[in-house]
Amino acid sequence: RPNDTTIHFVKEWVRWGAGPRAGQA
């Protein structure tokens, strides 16, 4: 999630990150 991460790659290229269902999966 761009708003929660410190990884620049994610902040630069991602619009929306995965939700809790992704963790369950």
mmCIF file of all heavy atoms, coordinates in Angstrom:
data_MODEL
# 
_entry.id   MODEL 
# 
loop_
_atom_site.group_PDB 
_atom_site.id 
_atom_site.type_symbol 
_atom_site.label_atom_id 
_atom_site.label_alt_id 
_atom_site.label_comp_id 
_atom_site.label_asym_id 
_atom_site.label_entity_id 
_atom_site.label_seq_id 
_atom_site.pdbx_PDB_ins_code 
_atom_site.Cartn_x 
_atom_site.Cartn_y 
_atom_site.Cartn_z 
_atom_site.occupancy 
_atom_site.B_iso_or_equiv 
_atom_site.pdbx_formal_charge 
_atom_site.auth_seq_id 
_atom_site.auth_comp_id 
_atom_site.auth_asym_id 
_atom_site.auth_atom_id 
_atom_site.pdbx_PDB_model_num 
ATOM 1   N N   . ARG A 1 1  ? 0.843   -1.204  0.000   1.00 0.00 ? 1  ARG A N   1 
ATOM 2   C CA  . ARG A 1 1  ? 0.000   0.000   0.000   1.00 0.00 ? 1  ARG A CA  1 
ATOM 3   C C   . ARG A 1 1  ? 0.874   1.247   0.000   1.00 0.00 ? 1  ARG A C   1 
ATOM 4   O O   . ARG A 1 1  ? 1.678   1.446   0.909   1.00 0.00 ? 1  ARG A O   1 
ATOM 5   C CB  . ARG A 1 1  ? -0.909  -0.017  1.234   1.00 0.00 ? 1  ARG A CB  1 
ATOM 6   C CG  . ARG A 1 1  ? -1.770  -1.270  1.310   1.00 0.00 ? 1  ARG A CG  1 
ATOM 7   C CD  . ARG A 1 1  ? -2.403  -1.471  2.661   1.00 0.00 ? 1  ARG A CD  1 
ATOM 8   N NE  . ARG A 1 1  ? -2.993  -2.801  2.760   1.00 0.00 ? 1  ARG A NE  1 
ATOM 9   C CZ  . ARG A 1 1  ? -3.350  -3.371  3.909   1.00 0.00 ? 1  ARG A CZ  1 
ATOM 10  N NH1 . ARG A 1 1  ? -3.187  -2.707  5.050   1.00 0.00 ? 1  ARG A NH1 1 
ATOM 11  N NH2 . ARG A 1 1  ? -3.863  -4.587  3.909   1.00 0.00 ? 1  ARG A NH2 1 
ATOM 12  N N   . PRO A 1 2  ? 0.721   2.087   -1.010  1.00 0.00 ? 2  PRO A N   1 
ATOM 13  C CA  . PRO A 1 2  ? 1.604   3.265   -1.151  1.00 0.00 ? 2  PRO A CA  1 
ATOM 14  C C   . PRO A 1 2  ? 1.640   4.160   0.073   1.00 0.00 ? 2  PRO A C   1 
ATOM 15  O O   . PRO A 1 2  ? 2.683   4.745   0.379   1.00 0.00 ? 2  PRO A O   1 
ATOM 16  C CB  . PRO A 1 2  ? 1.000   3.994   -2.357  1.00 0.00 ? 2  PRO A CB  1 
ATOM 17  C CG  . PRO A 1 2  ? 0.267   2.946   -3.115  1.00 0.00 ? 2  PRO A CG  1 
ATOM 18  C CD  . PRO A 1 2  ? -0.250  1.978   -2.106  1.00 0.00 ? 2  PRO A CD  1 
ATOM 19  N N   . ASN A 1 3  ? 0.535   4.266   0.811   1.00 0.00 ? 3  ASN A N   1 
ATOM 20  C CA  . ASN A 1 3  ? 0.496   5.160   1.966   1.00 0.00 ? 3  ASN A CA  1 
ATOM 21  C C   . ASN A 1 3  ? 1.144   4.570   3.211   1.00 0.00 ? 3  ASN A C   1 
ATOM 22  O O   . ASN A 1 3  ? 1.415   5.289   4.173   1.00 0.00 ? 3  ASN A O   1 
ATOM 23  C CB  . ASN A 1 3  ? -0.954  5.550   2.288   1.00 0.00 ? 3  ASN A CB  1 
ATOM 24  C CG  . ASN A 1 3  ? -1.564  6.423   1.210   1.00 0.00 ? 3  ASN A CG  1 
ATOM 25  O OD1 . ASN A 1 3  ? -0.856  7.102   0.481   1.00 0.00 ? 3  ASN A OD1 1 
ATOM 26  N ND2 . ASN A 1 3  ? -2.880  6.386   1.100   1.00 0.00 ? 3  ASN A ND2 1 
ATOM 27  N N   . ASP A 1 4  ? 1.376   3.253   3.213   1.00 0.00 ? 4  ASP A N   1 
ATOM 28  C CA  . ASP A 1 4  ? 1.917   2.594   4.405   1.00 0.00 ? 4  ASP A CA  1 
ATOM 29  C C   . ASP A 1 4  ? 3.367   2.144   4.258   1.00 0.00 ? 4  ASP A C   1 
ATOM 30  O O   . ASP A 1 4  ? 4.011   1.831   5.254   1.00 0.00 ? 4  ASP A O   1 
ATOM 31  C CB  . ASP A 1 4  ? 1.074   1.359   4.764   1.00 0.00 ? 4  ASP A CB  1 
ATOM 32  C CG  . ASP A 1 4  ? -0.324  1.726   5.216   1.00 0.00 ? 4  ASP A CG  1 
ATOM 33  O OD1 . ASP A 1 4  ? -0.497  2.839   5.737   1.00 0.00 ? 4  ASP A OD1 1 
ATOM 34  O OD2 . ASP A 1 4  ? -1.235  0.899   5.044   1.00 0.00 ? 4  ASP A OD2 1 
ATOM 35  N N   . THR A 1 5  ? 3.852   2.064   3.024   1.00 0.00 ? 5  THR A N   1 
ATOM 36  C CA  . THR A 1 5  ? 5.153   1.459   2.783   1.00 0.00 ? 5  THR A CA  1 
ATOM 37  C C   . THR A 1 5  ? 6.281   2.493   2.776   1.00 0.00 ? 5  THR A C   1 
ATOM 38  O O   . THR A 1 5  ? 6.053   3.684   2.558   1.00 0.00 ? 5  THR A O   1 
ATOM 39  C CB  . THR A 1 5  ? 5.142   0.697   1.449   1.00 0.00 ? 5  THR A CB  1 
ATOM 40  O OG1 . THR A 1 5  ? 6.358   -0.041  1.305   1.00 0.00 ? 5  THR A OG1 1 
ATOM 41  C CG2 . THR A 1 5  ? 5.004   1.649   0.269   1.00 0.00 ? 5  THR A CG2 1 
ATOM 42  N N   . THR A 1 6  ? 7.490   2.000   3.021   1.00 0.00 ? 6  THR A N   1 
ATOM 43  C CA  . THR A 1 6  ? 8.680   2.844   2.866   1.00 0.00 ? 6  THR A CA  1 
ATOM 44  C C   . THR A 1 6  ? 9.449   2.489   1.607   1.00 0.00 ? 6  THR A C   1 
ATOM 45  O O   . THR A 1 6  ? 10.490  3.081   1.335   1.00 0.00 ? 6  THR A O   1 
ATOM 46  C CB  . THR A 1 6  ? 9.616   2.666   4.075   1.00 0.00 ? 6  THR A CB  1 
ATOM 47  O OG1 . THR A 1 6  ? 10.030  1.289   4.150   1.00 0.00 ? 6  THR A OG1 1 
ATOM 48  C CG2 . THR A 1 6  ? 8.921   3.063   5.372   1.00 0.00 ? 6  THR A CG2 1 
ATOM 49  N N   . ILE A 1 7  ? 8.938   1.505   0.843   1.00 0.00 ? 7  ILE A N   1 
ATOM 50  C CA  . ILE A 1 7  ? 9.626   1.055   -0.364  1.00 0.00 ? 7  ILE A CA  1 
ATOM 51  C C   . ILE A 1 7  ? 9.288   2.010   -1.514  1.00 0.00 ? 7  ILE A C   1 
ATOM 52  O O   . ILE A 1 7  ? 8.127   2.138   -1.911  1.00 0.00 ? 7  ILE A O   1 
ATOM 53  C CB  . ILE A 1 7  ? 9.246   -0.397  -0.713  1.00 0.00 ? 7  ILE A CB  1 
ATOM 54  C CG1 . ILE A 1 7  ? 9.707   -1.328  0.414   1.00 0.00 ? 7  ILE A CG1 1 
ATOM 55  C CG2 . ILE A 1 7  ? 9.860   -0.821  -2.042  1.00 0.00 ? 7  ILE A CG2 1 
ATOM 56  C CD1 . ILE A 1 7  ? 9.343   -2.777  0.217   1.00 0.00 ? 7  ILE A CD1 1 
ATOM 57  N N   . HIS A 1 8  ? 10.303  2.661   -2.050  1.00 0.00 ? 8  HIS A N   1 
ATOM 58  C CA  . HIS A 1 8  ? 10.095  3.678   -3.078  1.00 0.00 ? 8  HIS A CA  1 
ATOM 59  C C   . HIS A 1 8  ? 9.436   3.099   -4.325  1.00 0.00 ? 8  HIS A C   1 
ATOM 60  O O   . HIS A 1 8  ? 8.607   3.764   -4.964  1.00 0.00 ? 8  HIS A O   1 
ATOM 61  C CB  . HIS A 1 8  ? 11.436  4.324   -3.444  1.00 0.00 ? 8  HIS A CB  1 
ATOM 62  C CG  . HIS A 1 8  ? 11.319  5.363   -4.531  1.00 0.00 ? 8  HIS A CG  1 
ATOM 63  N ND1 . HIS A 1 8  ? 10.727  6.589   -4.312  1.00 0.00 ? 8  HIS A ND1 1 
ATOM 64  C CD2 . HIS A 1 8  ? 11.703  5.338   -5.842  1.00 0.00 ? 8  HIS A CD2 1 
ATOM 65  C CE1 . HIS A 1 8  ? 10.747  7.288   -5.447  1.00 0.00 ? 8  HIS A CE1 1 
ATOM 66  N NE2 . HIS A 1 8  ? 11.333  6.547   -6.380  1.00 0.00 ? 8  HIS A NE2 1 
ATOM 67  N N   . PHE A 1 9  ? 9.778   1.877   -4.685  1.00 0.00 ? 9  PHE A N   1 
ATOM 68  C CA  . PHE A 1 9  ? 9.222   1.248   -5.892  1.00 0.00 ? 9  PHE A CA  1 
ATOM 69  C C   . PHE A 1 9  ? 7.697   1.193   -5.825  1.00 0.00 ? 9  PHE A C   1 
ATOM 70  O O   . PHE A 1 9  ? 6.996   1.450   -6.809  1.00 0.00 ? 9  PHE A O   1 
ATOM 71  C CB  . PHE A 1 9  ? 9.801   -0.164  -6.050  1.00 0.00 ? 9  PHE A CB  1 
ATOM 72  C CG  . PHE A 1 9  ? 9.546   -0.799  -7.387  1.00 0.00 ? 9  PHE A CG  1 
ATOM 73  C CD1 . PHE A 1 9  ? 10.415  -0.601  -8.449  1.00 0.00 ? 9  PHE A CD1 1 
ATOM 74  C CD2 . PHE A 1 9  ? 8.426   -1.591  -7.597  1.00 0.00 ? 9  PHE A CD2 1 
ATOM 75  C CE1 . PHE A 1 9  ? 10.175  -1.188  -9.690  1.00 0.00 ? 9  PHE A CE1 1 
ATOM 76  C CE2 . PHE A 1 9  ? 8.180   -2.177  -8.826  1.00 0.00 ? 9  PHE A CE2 1 
ATOM 77  C CZ  . PHE A 1 9  ? 9.068   -1.974  -9.877  1.00 0.00 ? 9  PHE A CZ  1 
ATOM 78  N N   . VAL A 1 10 ? 7.181   0.866   -4.642  1.00 0.00 ? 10 VAL A N   1 
ATOM 79  C CA  . VAL A 1 10 ? 5.728   0.793   -4.465  1.00 0.00 ? 10 VAL A CA  1 
ATOM 80  C C   . VAL A 1 10 ? 5.113   2.186   -4.547  1.00 0.00 ? 10 VAL A C   1 
ATOM 81  O O   . VAL A 1 10 ? 4.093   2.399   -5.214  1.00 0.00 ? 10 VAL A O   1 
ATOM 82  C CB  . VAL A 1 10 ? 5.390   0.123   -3.122  1.00 0.00 ? 10 VAL A CB  1 
ATOM 83  C CG1 . VAL A 1 10 ? 3.881   0.172   -2.856  1.00 0.00 ? 10 VAL A CG1 1 
ATOM 84  C CG2 . VAL A 1 10 ? 5.886   -1.316  -3.093  1.00 0.00 ? 10 VAL A CG2 1 
ATOM 85  N N   . LYS A 1 11 ? 5.706   3.147   -3.888  1.00 0.00 ? 11 LYS A N   1 
ATOM 86  C CA  . LYS A 1 11 ? 5.175   4.512   -3.901  1.00 0.00 ? 11 LYS A CA  1 
ATOM 87  C C   . LYS A 1 11 ? 5.128   5.090   -5.312  1.00 0.00 ? 11 LYS A C   1 
ATOM 88  O O   . LYS A 1 11 ? 4.230   5.861   -5.664  1.00 0.00 ? 11 LYS A O   1 
ATOM 89  C CB  . LYS A 1 11 ? 6.025   5.407   -3.006  1.00 0.00 ? 11 LYS A CB  1 
ATOM 90  C CG  . LYS A 1 11 ? 5.873   5.141   -1.516  1.00 0.00 ? 11 LYS A CG  1 
ATOM 91  C CD  . LYS A 1 11 ? 6.713   6.107   -0.707  1.00 0.00 ? 11 LYS A CD  1 
ATOM 92  C CE  . LYS A 1 11 ? 6.477   5.923   0.782   1.00 0.00 ? 11 LYS A CE  1 
ATOM 93  N NZ  . LYS A 1 11 ? 5.108   6.328   1.193   1.00 0.00 ? 11 LYS A NZ  1 
ATOM 94  N N   . GLU A 1 12 ? 6.099   4.708   -6.138  1.00 0.00 ? 12 GLU A N   1 
ATOM 95  C CA  . GLU A 1 12 ? 6.201   5.276   -7.478  1.00 0.00 ? 12 GLU A CA  1 
ATOM 96  C C   . GLU A 1 12 ? 5.221   4.655   -8.461  1.00 0.00 ? 12 GLU A C   1 
ATOM 97  O O   . GLU A 1 12 ? 4.689   5.347   -9.325  1.00 0.00 ? 12 GLU A O   1 
ATOM 98  C CB  . GLU A 1 12 ? 7.631   5.107   -7.998  1.00 0.00 ? 12 GLU A CB  1 
ATOM 99  C CG  . GLU A 1 12 ? 7.851   5.747   -9.363  1.00 0.00 ? 12 GLU A CG  1 
ATOM 100 C CD  . GLU A 1 12 ? 9.298   5.648   -9.829  1.00 0.00 ? 12 GLU A CD  1 
ATOM 101 O OE1 . GLU A 1 12 ? 10.116  4.999   -9.125  1.00 0.00 ? 12 GLU A OE1 1 
ATOM 102 O OE2 . GLU A 1 12 ? 9.610   6.217   -10.888 1.00 0.00 ? 12 GLU A OE2 1 
ATOM 103 N N   . TRP A 1 13 ? 4.956   3.338   -8.331  1.00 0.00 ? 13 TRP A N   1 
ATOM 104 C CA  . TRP A 1 13 ? 4.234   2.642   -9.389  1.00 0.00 ? 13 TRP A CA  1 
ATOM 105 C C   . TRP A 1 13 ? 2.845   2.125   -9.007  1.00 0.00 ? 13 TRP A C   1 
ATOM 106 O O   . TRP A 1 13 ? 2.044   1.798   -9.879  1.00 0.00 ? 13 TRP A O   1 
ATOM 107 C CB  . TRP A 1 13 ? 5.059   1.454   -9.884  1.00 0.00 ? 13 TRP A CB  1 
ATOM 108 C CG  . TRP A 1 13 ? 6.427   1.806   -10.373 1.00 0.00 ? 13 TRP A CG  1 
ATOM 109 C CD1 . TRP A 1 13 ? 7.618   1.506   -9.786  1.00 0.00 ? 13 TRP A CD1 1 
ATOM 110 C CD2 . TRP A 1 13 ? 6.761   2.547   -11.558 1.00 0.00 ? 13 TRP A CD2 1 
ATOM 111 N NE1 . TRP A 1 13 ? 8.670   1.985   -10.511 1.00 0.00 ? 13 TRP A NE1 1 
ATOM 112 C CE2 . TRP A 1 13 ? 8.172   2.640   -11.622 1.00 0.00 ? 13 TRP A CE2 1 
ATOM 113 C CE3 . TRP A 1 13 ? 6.016   3.137   -12.579 1.00 0.00 ? 13 TRP A CE3 1 
ATOM 114 C CZ2 . TRP A 1 13 ? 8.846   3.286   -12.638 1.00 0.00 ? 13 TRP A CZ2 1 
ATOM 115 C CZ3 . TRP A 1 13 ? 6.681   3.783   -13.600 1.00 0.00 ? 13 TRP A CZ3 1 
ATOM 116 C CH2 . TRP A 1 13 ? 8.072   3.856   -13.627 1.00 0.00 ? 13 TRP A CH2 1 
ATOM 117 N N   . VAL A 1 14 ? 2.539   2.039   -7.719  1.00 0.00 ? 14 VAL A N   1 
ATOM 118 C CA  . VAL A 1 14 ? 1.287   1.403   -7.286  1.00 0.00 ? 14 VAL A CA  1 
ATOM 119 C C   . VAL A 1 14 ? 0.225   2.448   -6.963  1.00 0.00 ? 14 VAL A C   1 
ATOM 120 O O   . VAL A 1 14 ? 0.501   3.435   -6.278  1.00 0.00 ? 14 VAL A O   1 
ATOM 121 C CB  . VAL A 1 14 ? 1.535   0.492   -6.060  1.00 0.00 ? 14 VAL A CB  1 
ATOM 122 C CG1 . VAL A 1 14 ? 0.223   -0.067  -5.524  1.00 0.00 ? 14 VAL A CG1 1 
ATOM 123 C CG2 . VAL A 1 14 ? 2.492   -0.645  -6.429  1.00 0.00 ? 14 VAL A CG2 1 
ATOM 124 N N   . ARG A 1 15 ? -0.991  2.212   -7.455  1.00 0.00 ? 15 ARG A N   1 
ATOM 125 C CA  . ARG A 1 15 ? -2.127  3.087   -7.159  1.00 0.00 ? 15 ARG A CA  1 
ATOM 126 C C   . ARG A 1 15 ? -2.857  2.627   -5.902  1.00 0.00 ? 15 ARG A C   1 
ATOM 127 O O   . ARG A 1 15 ? -3.169  3.413   -5.033  1.00 0.00 ? 15 ARG A O   1 
ATOM 128 C CB  . ARG A 1 15 ? -3.084  3.109   -8.355  1.00 0.00 ? 15 ARG A CB  1 
ATOM 129 C CG  . ARG A 1 15 ? -4.332  3.953   -8.179  1.00 0.00 ? 15 ARG A CG  1 
ATOM 130 C CD  . ARG A 1 15 ? -4.945  4.307   -9.531  1.00 0.00 ? 15 ARG A CD  1 
ATOM 131 N NE  . ARG A 1 15 ? -5.205  3.125   -10.338 1.00 0.00 ? 15 ARG A NE  1 
ATOM 132 C CZ  . ARG A 1 15 ? -6.399  2.531   -10.439 1.00 0.00 ? 15 ARG A CZ  1 
ATOM 133 N NH1 . ARG A 1 15 ? -7.430  3.019   -9.769  1.00 0.00 ? 15 ARG A NH1 1 
ATOM 134 N NH2 . ARG A 1 15 ? -6.554  1.472   -11.204 1.00 0.00 ? 15 ARG A NH2 1 
ATOM 135 N N   . TRP A 1 16 ? -3.190  1.325   -5.842  1.00 0.00 ? 16 TRP A N   1 
ATOM 136 C CA  . TRP A 1 16 ? -3.847  0.753   -4.670  1.00 0.00 ? 16 TRP A CA  1 
ATOM 137 C C   . TRP A 1 16 ? -3.153  -0.557  -4.311  1.00 0.00 ? 16 TRP A C   1 
ATOM 138 O O   . TRP A 1 16 ? -2.831  -1.359  -5.188  1.00 0.00 ? 16 TRP A O   1 
ATOM 139 C CB  . TRP A 1 16 ? -5.330  0.470   -4.929  1.00 0.00 ? 16 TRP A CB  1 
ATOM 140 C CG  . TRP A 1 16 ? -6.173  1.688   -5.105  1.00 0.00 ? 16 TRP A CG  1 
ATOM 141 C CD1 . TRP A 1 16 ? -6.634  2.212   -6.268  1.00 0.00 ? 16 TRP A CD1 1 
ATOM 142 C CD2 . TRP A 1 16 ? -6.663  2.553   -4.079  1.00 0.00 ? 16 TRP A CD2 1 
ATOM 143 N NE1 . TRP A 1 16 ? -7.363  3.351   -6.053  1.00 0.00 ? 16 TRP A NE1 1 
ATOM 144 C CE2 . TRP A 1 16 ? -7.409  3.579   -4.700  1.00 0.00 ? 16 TRP A CE2 1 
ATOM 145 C CE3 . TRP A 1 16 ? -6.553  2.564   -2.686  1.00 0.00 ? 16 TRP A CE3 1 
ATOM 146 C CZ2 . TRP A 1 16 ? -8.023  4.596   -3.989  1.00 0.00 ? 16 TRP A CZ2 1 
ATOM 147 C CZ3 . TRP A 1 16 ? -7.176  3.577   -1.976  1.00 0.00 ? 16 TRP A CZ3 1 
ATOM 148 C CH2 . TRP A 1 16 ? -7.904  4.575   -2.632  1.00 0.00 ? 16 TRP A CH2 1 
ATOM 149 N N   . GLY A 1 17 ? -2.956  -0.774  -3.023  1.00 0.00 ? 17 GLY A N   1 
ATOM 150 C CA  . GLY A 1 17 ? -2.338  -2.012  -2.571  1.00 0.00 ? 17 GLY A CA  1 
ATOM 151 C C   . GLY A 1 17 ? -3.372  -3.079  -2.252  1.00 0.00 ? 17 GLY A C   1 
ATOM 152 O O   . GLY A 1 17 ? -4.575  -2.889  -2.434  1.00 0.00 ? 17 GLY A O   1 
ATOM 153 N N   . ALA A 1 18 ? -2.887  -4.216  -1.776  1.00 0.00 ? 18 ALA A N   1 
ATOM 154 C CA  . ALA A 1 18 ? -3.750  -5.352  -1.463  1.00 0.00 ? 18 ALA A CA  1 
ATOM 155 C C   . ALA A 1 18 ? -4.450  -5.149  -0.122  1.00 0.00 ? 18 ALA A C   1 
ATOM 156 O O   . ALA A 1 18 ? -3.917  -4.517  0.787   1.00 0.00 ? 18 ALA A O   1 
ATOM 157 C CB  . ALA A 1 18 ? -2.925  -6.635  -1.446  1.00 0.00 ? 18 ALA A CB  1 
ATOM 158 N N   . GLY A 1 19 ? -5.641  -5.735  0.012   1.00 0.00 ? 19 GLY A N   1 
ATOM 159 C CA  . GLY A 1 19 ? -6.403  -5.667  1.247   1.00 0.00 ? 19 GLY A CA  1 
ATOM 160 C C   . GLY A 1 19 ? -6.170  -6.888  2.119   1.00 0.00 ? 19 GLY A C   1 
ATOM 161 O O   . GLY A 1 19 ? -5.401  -7.797  1.770   1.00 0.00 ? 19 GLY A O   1 
ATOM 162 N N   . PRO A 1 20 ? -6.854  -6.940  3.270   1.00 0.00 ? 20 PRO A N   1 
ATOM 163 C CA  . PRO A 1 20 ? -6.671  -8.072  4.191   1.00 0.00 ? 20 PRO A CA  1 
ATOM 164 C C   . PRO A 1 20 ? -6.988  -9.428  3.572   1.00 0.00 ? 20 PRO A C   1 
ATOM 165 O O   . PRO A 1 20 ? -6.407  -10.438 3.973   1.00 0.00 ? 20 PRO A O   1 
ATOM 166 C CB  . PRO A 1 20 ? -7.654  -7.749  5.331   1.00 0.00 ? 20 PRO A CB  1 
ATOM 167 C CG  . PRO A 1 20 ? -7.823  -6.264  5.279   1.00 0.00 ? 20 PRO A CG  1 
ATOM 168 C CD  . PRO A 1 20 ? -7.738  -5.903  3.829   1.00 0.00 ? 20 PRO A CD  1 
ATOM 169 N N   . ARG A 1 21 ? -7.916  -9.466  2.592   1.00 0.00 ? 21 ARG A N   1 
ATOM 170 C CA  . ARG A 1 21 ? -8.228  -10.752 1.973   1.00 0.00 ? 21 ARG A CA  1 
ATOM 171 C C   . ARG A 1 21 ? -7.006  -11.358 1.294   1.00 0.00 ? 21 ARG A C   1 
ATOM 172 O O   . ARG A 1 21 ? -6.876  -12.581 1.197   1.00 0.00 ? 21 ARG A O   1 
ATOM 173 C CB  . ARG A 1 21 ? -9.374  -10.591 0.961   1.00 0.00 ? 21 ARG A CB  1 
ATOM 174 C CG  . ARG A 1 21 ? -9.876  -11.927 0.406   1.00 0.00 ? 21 ARG A CG  1 
ATOM 175 C CD  . ARG A 1 21 ? -11.007 -11.746 -0.598  1.00 0.00 ? 21 ARG A CD  1 
ATOM 176 N NE  . ARG A 1 21 ? -12.260 -11.489 0.084   1.00 0.00 ? 21 ARG A NE  1 
ATOM 177 C CZ  . ARG A 1 21 ? -13.124 -10.552 -0.266  1.00 0.00 ? 21 ARG A CZ  1 
ATOM 178 N NH1 . ARG A 1 21 ? -12.845 -9.735  -1.268  1.00 0.00 ? 21 ARG A NH1 1 
ATOM 179 N NH2 . ARG A 1 21 ? -14.255 -10.401 0.382   1.00 0.00 ? 21 ARG A NH2 1 
ATOM 180 N N   . ALA A 1 22 ? -6.089  -10.510 0.827   1.00 0.00 ? 22 ALA A N   1 
ATOM 181 C CA  . ALA A 1 22 ? -4.860  -11.013 0.218   1.00 0.00 ? 22 ALA A CA  1 
ATOM 182 C C   . ALA A 1 22 ? -4.017  -11.764 1.240   1.00 0.00 ? 22 ALA A C   1 
ATOM 183 O O   . ALA A 1 22 ? -3.429  -12.815 0.935   1.00 0.00 ? 22 ALA A O   1 
ATOM 184 C CB  . ALA A 1 22 ? -4.060  -9.855  -0.387  1.00 0.00 ? 22 ALA A CB  1 
ATOM 185 N N   . GLY A 1 23 ? -3.941  -11.241 2.461   1.00 0.00 ? 23 GLY A N   1 
ATOM 186 C CA  . GLY A 1 23 ? -3.196  -11.924 3.507   1.00 0.00 ? 23 GLY A CA  1 
ATOM 187 C C   . GLY A 1 23 ? -3.818  -13.258 3.866   1.00 0.00 ? 23 GLY A C   1 
ATOM 188 O O   . GLY A 1 23 ? -3.115  -14.266 4.066   1.00 0.00 ? 23 GLY A O   1 
ATOM 189 N N   . GLN A 1 24 ? -5.148  -13.286 3.943   1.00 0.00 ? 24 GLN A N   1 
ATOM 190 C CA  . GLN A 1 24 ? -5.843  -14.544 4.208   1.00 0.00 ? 24 GLN A CA  1 
ATOM 191 C C   . GLN A 1 24 ? -5.552  -15.558 3.101   1.00 0.00 ? 24 GLN A C   1 
ATOM 192 O O   . GLN A 1 24 ? -5.275  -16.738 3.376   1.00 0.00 ? 24 GLN A O   1 
ATOM 193 C CB  . GLN A 1 24 ? -7.353  -14.293 4.296   1.00 0.00 ? 24 GLN A CB  1 
ATOM 194 C CG  . GLN A 1 24 ? -7.766  -13.415 5.460   1.00 0.00 ? 24 GLN A CG  1 
ATOM 195 C CD  . GLN A 1 24 ? -9.214  -12.969 5.362   1.00 0.00 ? 24 GLN A CD  1 
ATOM 196 O OE1 . GLN A 1 24 ? -9.813  -12.971 4.278   1.00 0.00 ? 24 GLN A OE1 1 
ATOM 197 N NE2 . GLN A 1 24 ? -9.784  -12.568 6.493   1.00 0.00 ? 24 GLN A NE2 1 
ATOM 198 N N   . ALA A 1 25 ? -5.606  -15.084 1.856   1.00 0.00 ? 25 ALA A N   1 
ATOM 199 C CA  . ALA A 1 25 ? -5.358  -15.979 0.715   1.00 0.00 ? 25 ALA A CA  1 
ATOM 200 C C   . ALA A 1 25 ? -3.931  -16.498 0.726   1.00 0.00 ? 25 ALA A C   1 
ATOM 201 O O   . ALA A 1 25 ? -3.682  -17.678 0.427   1.00 0.00 ? 25 ALA A O   1 
ATOM 202 C CB  . ALA A 1 25 ? -5.643  -15.238 -0.587  1.00 0.00 ? 25 ALA A CB  1 
# 
